[in-house]
Amino acid sequence: MPNVPDCKPEPTEKDDDLDDSHLDDIEEGAGCTEIWEHLAEKRNE
C-alpha cells in the first residue's frame, strides 16, 4: 500500500465565520443520506 499522508485539517479563521446552525440537529456520525434528508425537511418547513 502506498504511503498516504494523514488528513487532519486544521480549523481556519474562515471556519469560525461559517453559519452551520442548520446542522445542529444532526447526530454525530450521520451520513450523507441523513444530512440530505434533514436539510430537505427543513426546506419544506
N, C-alpha and C. Protein backbone atom coordinates (compact mmCIF):
# COMPACT_ATOMS: atom_id res chain seq x y z
N MET A 1 0.85 -1.17 0.00
CA MET A 1 0.00 0.00 0.00
C MET A 1 0.90 1.24 0.00
N PRO A 2 0.57 2.23 -0.84
CA PRO A 2 1.41 3.43 -0.90
C PRO A 2 1.26 4.26 0.37
N ASN A 3 2.29 5.05 0.63
CA ASN A 3 2.24 5.94 1.78
C ASN A 3 1.21 7.03 1.53
N VAL A 4 0.27 7.17 2.44
CA VAL A 4 -0.78 8.18 2.33
C VAL A 4 -0.65 9.11 3.52
N PRO A 5 -0.54 10.41 3.27
CA PRO A 5 -0.41 11.35 4.40
C PRO A 5 -1.69 11.37 5.22
N ASP A 6 -1.53 11.63 6.52
CA ASP A 6 -2.70 11.76 7.39
C ASP A 6 -3.48 13.00 7.01
N CYS A 7 -4.77 12.87 6.97
CA CYS A 7 -5.64 14.00 6.65
C CYS A 7 -6.22 14.53 7.95
N LYS A 8 -5.62 15.56 8.48
CA LYS A 8 -6.10 16.18 9.72
C LYS A 8 -6.14 17.69 9.50
N PRO A 9 -7.20 18.15 8.81
CA PRO A 9 -7.25 19.59 8.52
C PRO A 9 -7.35 20.42 9.78
N GLU A 10 -6.67 21.50 9.80
CA GLU A 10 -6.70 22.43 10.91
C GLU A 10 -7.80 23.46 10.67
N PRO A 11 -8.55 23.84 11.70
CA PRO A 11 -9.56 24.88 11.53
C PRO A 11 -8.91 26.18 11.09
N THR A 12 -9.61 26.92 10.28
CA THR A 12 -9.10 28.21 9.82
C THR A 12 -10.01 29.30 10.35
N GLU A 13 -9.59 30.54 10.17
CA GLU A 13 -10.42 31.67 10.60
C GLU A 13 -11.75 31.65 9.85
N LYS A 14 -11.73 31.24 8.59
CA LYS A 14 -12.97 31.17 7.81
C LYS A 14 -13.95 30.20 8.43
N ASP A 15 -13.45 29.09 8.99
CA ASP A 15 -14.32 28.10 9.61
C ASP A 15 -15.10 28.71 10.77
N ASP A 16 -14.51 29.63 11.49
CA ASP A 16 -15.17 30.26 12.63
C ASP A 16 -16.31 31.18 12.18
N ASP A 17 -16.23 31.67 10.95
CA ASP A 17 -17.23 32.60 10.44
C ASP A 17 -18.42 31.90 9.79
N LEU A 18 -18.33 30.58 9.59
CA LEU A 18 -19.39 29.85 8.92
C LEU A 18 -20.61 29.70 9.83
N ASP A 19 -21.78 29.89 9.24
CA ASP A 19 -23.03 29.67 9.98
C ASP A 19 -23.50 28.26 9.69
N ASP A 20 -23.22 27.35 10.61
CA ASP A 20 -23.61 25.96 10.40
C ASP A 20 -24.72 25.55 11.36
N SER A 21 -25.50 26.53 11.82
CA SER A 21 -26.57 26.24 12.77
C SER A 21 -27.63 25.33 12.17
N HIS A 22 -27.73 25.28 10.84
CA HIS A 22 -28.70 24.40 10.20
C HIS A 22 -28.34 22.92 10.36
N LEU A 23 -27.16 22.65 10.89
CA LEU A 23 -26.73 21.27 11.11
C LEU A 23 -26.77 20.87 12.58
N ASP A 24 -27.27 21.74 13.45
CA ASP A 24 -27.27 21.49 14.89
C ASP A 24 -28.04 20.24 15.30
N ASP A 25 -29.13 19.93 14.58
CA ASP A 25 -29.98 18.79 14.94
C ASP A 25 -29.49 17.46 14.39
N ILE A 26 -28.39 17.45 13.66
CA ILE A 26 -27.88 16.22 13.06
C ILE A 26 -26.95 15.53 14.04
N GLU A 27 -27.16 14.21 14.20
CA GLU A 27 -26.35 13.44 15.13
C GLU A 27 -24.92 13.29 14.63
N GLU A 28 -23.99 13.21 15.56
CA GLU A 28 -22.59 12.97 15.24
C GLU A 28 -22.48 11.65 14.49
N GLY A 29 -21.76 11.64 13.41
CA GLY A 29 -21.55 10.42 12.63
C GLY A 29 -22.61 10.18 11.57
N ALA A 30 -23.54 11.12 11.39
CA ALA A 30 -24.58 10.97 10.37
C ALA A 30 -23.93 10.93 8.98
N GLY A 31 -24.53 10.15 8.12
CA GLY A 31 -24.02 10.03 6.75
C GLY A 31 -24.68 11.03 5.82
N CYS A 32 -24.28 10.97 4.57
CA CYS A 32 -24.78 11.90 3.56
C CYS A 32 -26.30 11.84 3.44
N THR A 33 -26.86 10.63 3.47
CA THR A 33 -28.30 10.49 3.31
C THR A 33 -29.05 11.16 4.44
N GLU A 34 -28.59 10.95 5.68
CA GLU A 34 -29.26 11.56 6.82
C GLU A 34 -29.17 13.08 6.76
N ILE A 35 -28.04 13.58 6.35
CA ILE A 35 -27.87 15.03 6.26
C ILE A 35 -28.78 15.59 5.17
N TRP A 36 -28.83 14.91 4.02
CA TRP A 36 -29.67 15.36 2.92
C TRP A 36 -31.13 15.37 3.34
N GLU A 37 -31.59 14.30 4.00
CA GLU A 37 -32.98 14.23 4.46
C GLU A 37 -33.29 15.35 5.45
N HIS A 38 -32.37 15.62 6.36
CA HIS A 38 -32.56 16.68 7.35
C HIS A 38 -32.71 18.03 6.66
N LEU A 39 -31.84 18.31 5.71
CA LEU A 39 -31.89 19.59 5.01
C LEU A 39 -33.16 19.71 4.18
N ALA A 40 -33.61 18.61 3.57
CA ALA A 40 -34.83 18.62 2.77
C ALA A 40 -36.04 18.88 3.65
N GLU A 41 -36.08 18.28 4.84
CA GLU A 41 -37.18 18.52 5.77
C GLU A 41 -37.23 19.98 6.20
N LYS A 42 -36.07 20.55 6.49
CA LYS A 42 -36.02 21.96 6.91
C LYS A 42 -36.49 22.87 5.78
N ARG A 43 -36.14 22.52 4.54
CA ARG A 43 -36.52 23.32 3.38
C ARG A 43 -38.05 23.32 3.22
N ASN A 44 -38.68 22.17 3.52
CA ASN A 44 -40.13 22.06 3.36
C ASN A 44 -40.90 22.80 4.44
N GLU A 45 -40.27 23.09 5.56
CA GLU A 45 -40.96 23.77 6.67
C GLU A 45 -41.20 25.21 6.40
